[in-house]
Amino acid sequence: MDTQALILFDGVCNLCNRFVQFVIRHDRKKQFRFAALQSAAGKALLAQHEPVPLLPDSVVLLYKGKVYRQSAAALRVFKGLDGLWPLLYIFILIPPFIRDAVYRLIARKRYRIF
């Protein structure tokens, strides 16, 4: 990733907050910025890019004028990190309906698990 990207996340979710902390630790180039989906800034940014309201069960990546959601967003974030984490981007080859089904399963249970 050669320019800053914005990650919108569920600000009340422990799993999402841990993901943000993980990204901060592994983003030595400081290319990611963050905003909670529930914040005024997050809502305003999302409204500029996404005409359909989005539930806070999805991580959203705004990068180069495009909106990535769910598994595509998470995999693109991993791709931009330092270390071996970009290797996880290989999972982009799995069809989105399968990747997103797994993502939604974890998202539905995230409050109970974390």
Protein backbone atom coordinates (compact mmCIF):
# COMPACT_ATOMS: atom_id res chain seq x y z
CA MET A 1 0.00 0.00 0.00
CA ASP A 2 1.57 3.24 -1.06
CA THR A 3 -0.86 5.79 0.43
CA GLN A 4 -2.81 6.04 3.64
CA ALA A 5 -5.85 3.87 4.00
CA LEU A 6 -8.71 4.26 6.45
CA ILE A 7 -10.05 1.35 8.49
CA LEU A 8 -13.58 1.76 9.87
CA PHE A 9 -14.36 -0.69 12.66
CA ASP A 10 -16.93 -1.49 15.34
CA GLY A 11 -15.73 0.67 18.22
CA VAL A 12 -17.52 -1.35 20.91
CA CYS A 13 -16.26 -4.76 19.81
CA ASN A 14 -13.29 -6.24 21.69
CA LEU A 15 -12.24 -8.34 18.69
CA CYS A 16 -12.32 -5.26 16.45
CA ASN A 17 -10.32 -3.22 18.96
CA ARG A 18 -7.74 -6.01 19.20
CA PHE A 19 -7.54 -6.06 15.40
CA VAL A 20 -6.87 -2.30 15.40
CA GLN A 21 -4.14 -2.71 18.04
CA PHE A 22 -2.63 -5.55 16.00
CA VAL A 23 -2.58 -3.40 12.85
CA ILE A 24 -0.98 -0.50 14.74
CA ARG A 25 1.79 -2.81 16.00
CA HIS A 26 2.50 -4.25 12.53
CA ASP A 27 2.09 -1.08 10.46
CA ARG A 28 5.59 0.37 10.68
CA LYS A 29 4.97 2.57 7.63
CA LYS A 30 2.01 4.21 9.42
CA GLN A 31 -0.19 3.86 6.36
CA PHE A 32 -3.43 3.02 8.18
CA ARG A 33 -5.73 5.45 9.96
CA PHE A 34 -8.74 4.39 12.03
CA ALA A 35 -12.26 5.51 12.89
CA ALA A 36 -15.10 3.76 14.68
CA LEU A 37 -18.14 3.09 12.51
CA GLN A 38 -20.29 4.57 15.29
CA SER A 39 -18.34 7.86 15.47
CA ALA A 40 -19.50 11.02 13.71
CA ALA A 41 -16.32 10.98 11.61
CA GLY A 42 -16.80 7.31 10.72
CA LYS A 43 -20.42 7.83 9.71
CA ALA A 44 -19.54 10.88 7.62
CA LEU A 45 -16.68 9.11 5.83
CA LEU A 46 -18.79 6.07 5.14
CA ALA A 47 -21.66 8.23 3.83
CA GLN A 48 -19.26 9.80 1.32
CA HIS A 49 -18.31 6.40 -0.09
CA GLU A 50 -21.19 4.08 0.65
CA PRO A 51 -24.81 5.05 -0.06
CA VAL A 52 -26.23 2.02 1.78
CA PRO A 53 -26.12 2.05 5.61
CA LEU A 54 -23.72 -0.53 6.96
CA LEU A 55 -24.20 -2.46 10.17
CA PRO A 56 -21.27 -2.35 12.58
CA ASP A 57 -20.53 -6.05 12.03
CA SER A 58 -18.10 -5.38 9.21
CA VAL A 59 -14.66 -3.91 9.04
CA VAL A 60 -14.49 -1.43 6.16
CA LEU A 61 -11.35 -0.35 4.35
CA LEU A 62 -11.37 2.87 2.34
CA TYR A 63 -8.37 2.81 0.02
CA LYS A 64 -7.70 4.69 -3.21
CA GLY A 65 -11.35 5.67 -3.56
CA LYS A 66 -12.63 2.11 -3.19
CA VAL A 67 -14.62 0.52 -0.40
CA TYR A 68 -13.70 -2.97 0.78
CA ARG A 69 -15.84 -4.85 3.29
CA GLN A 70 -15.65 -7.96 5.40
CA SER A 71 -13.04 -10.52 4.29
CA ALA A 72 -11.78 -8.40 1.38
CA ALA A 73 -11.10 -5.52 3.78
CA ALA A 74 -9.32 -7.72 6.33
CA LEU A 75 -7.18 -9.43 3.69
CA ARG A 76 -6.18 -6.11 2.11
CA VAL A 77 -5.18 -4.83 5.54
CA PHE A 78 -2.99 -7.90 6.09
CA LYS A 79 -1.47 -7.33 2.66
CA GLY A 80 -0.31 -3.88 3.77
CA LEU A 81 1.34 -4.96 7.03
CA ASP A 82 4.99 -5.66 7.72
CA GLY A 83 6.44 -9.11 8.23
CA LEU A 84 4.87 -12.29 6.94
CA TRP A 85 1.27 -11.07 7.33
CA PRO A 86 0.91 -10.21 3.61
CA LEU A 87 1.10 -13.97 2.91
CA LEU A 88 -2.47 -14.23 4.22
CA TYR A 89 -3.58 -12.36 1.11
CA ILE A 90 -3.44 -15.72 -0.70
CA PHE A 91 -6.90 -16.36 0.80
CA ILE A 92 -8.28 -13.77 -1.62
CA LEU A 93 -8.30 -16.67 -4.10
CA ILE A 94 -11.13 -18.30 -2.13
CA PRO A 95 -14.47 -17.21 -3.60
CA PRO A 96 -15.93 -14.22 -1.73
CA PHE A 97 -19.17 -16.00 -0.82
CA ILE A 98 -17.14 -18.57 1.15
CA ARG A 99 -14.73 -16.04 2.72
CA ASP A 100 -17.56 -13.71 3.70
CA ALA A 101 -19.65 -16.55 5.13
CA VAL A 102 -16.78 -17.40 7.51
CA TYR A 103 -16.32 -13.69 8.27
CA ARG A 104 -20.04 -13.26 9.07
CA LEU A 105 -20.03 -16.35 11.30
CA ILE A 106 -17.19 -14.88 13.38
CA ALA A 107 -18.83 -11.43 13.34
CA ARG A 108 -22.11 -12.82 14.70
CA LYS A 109 -20.37 -14.56 17.60
CA ARG A 110 -17.70 -11.93 18.34
CA TYR A 111 -19.38 -10.47 21.43
CA ARG A 112 -19.78 -13.91 23.03
CA ILE A 113 -16.29 -15.10 22.12
CA PHE A 114 -14.44 -11.89 22.96
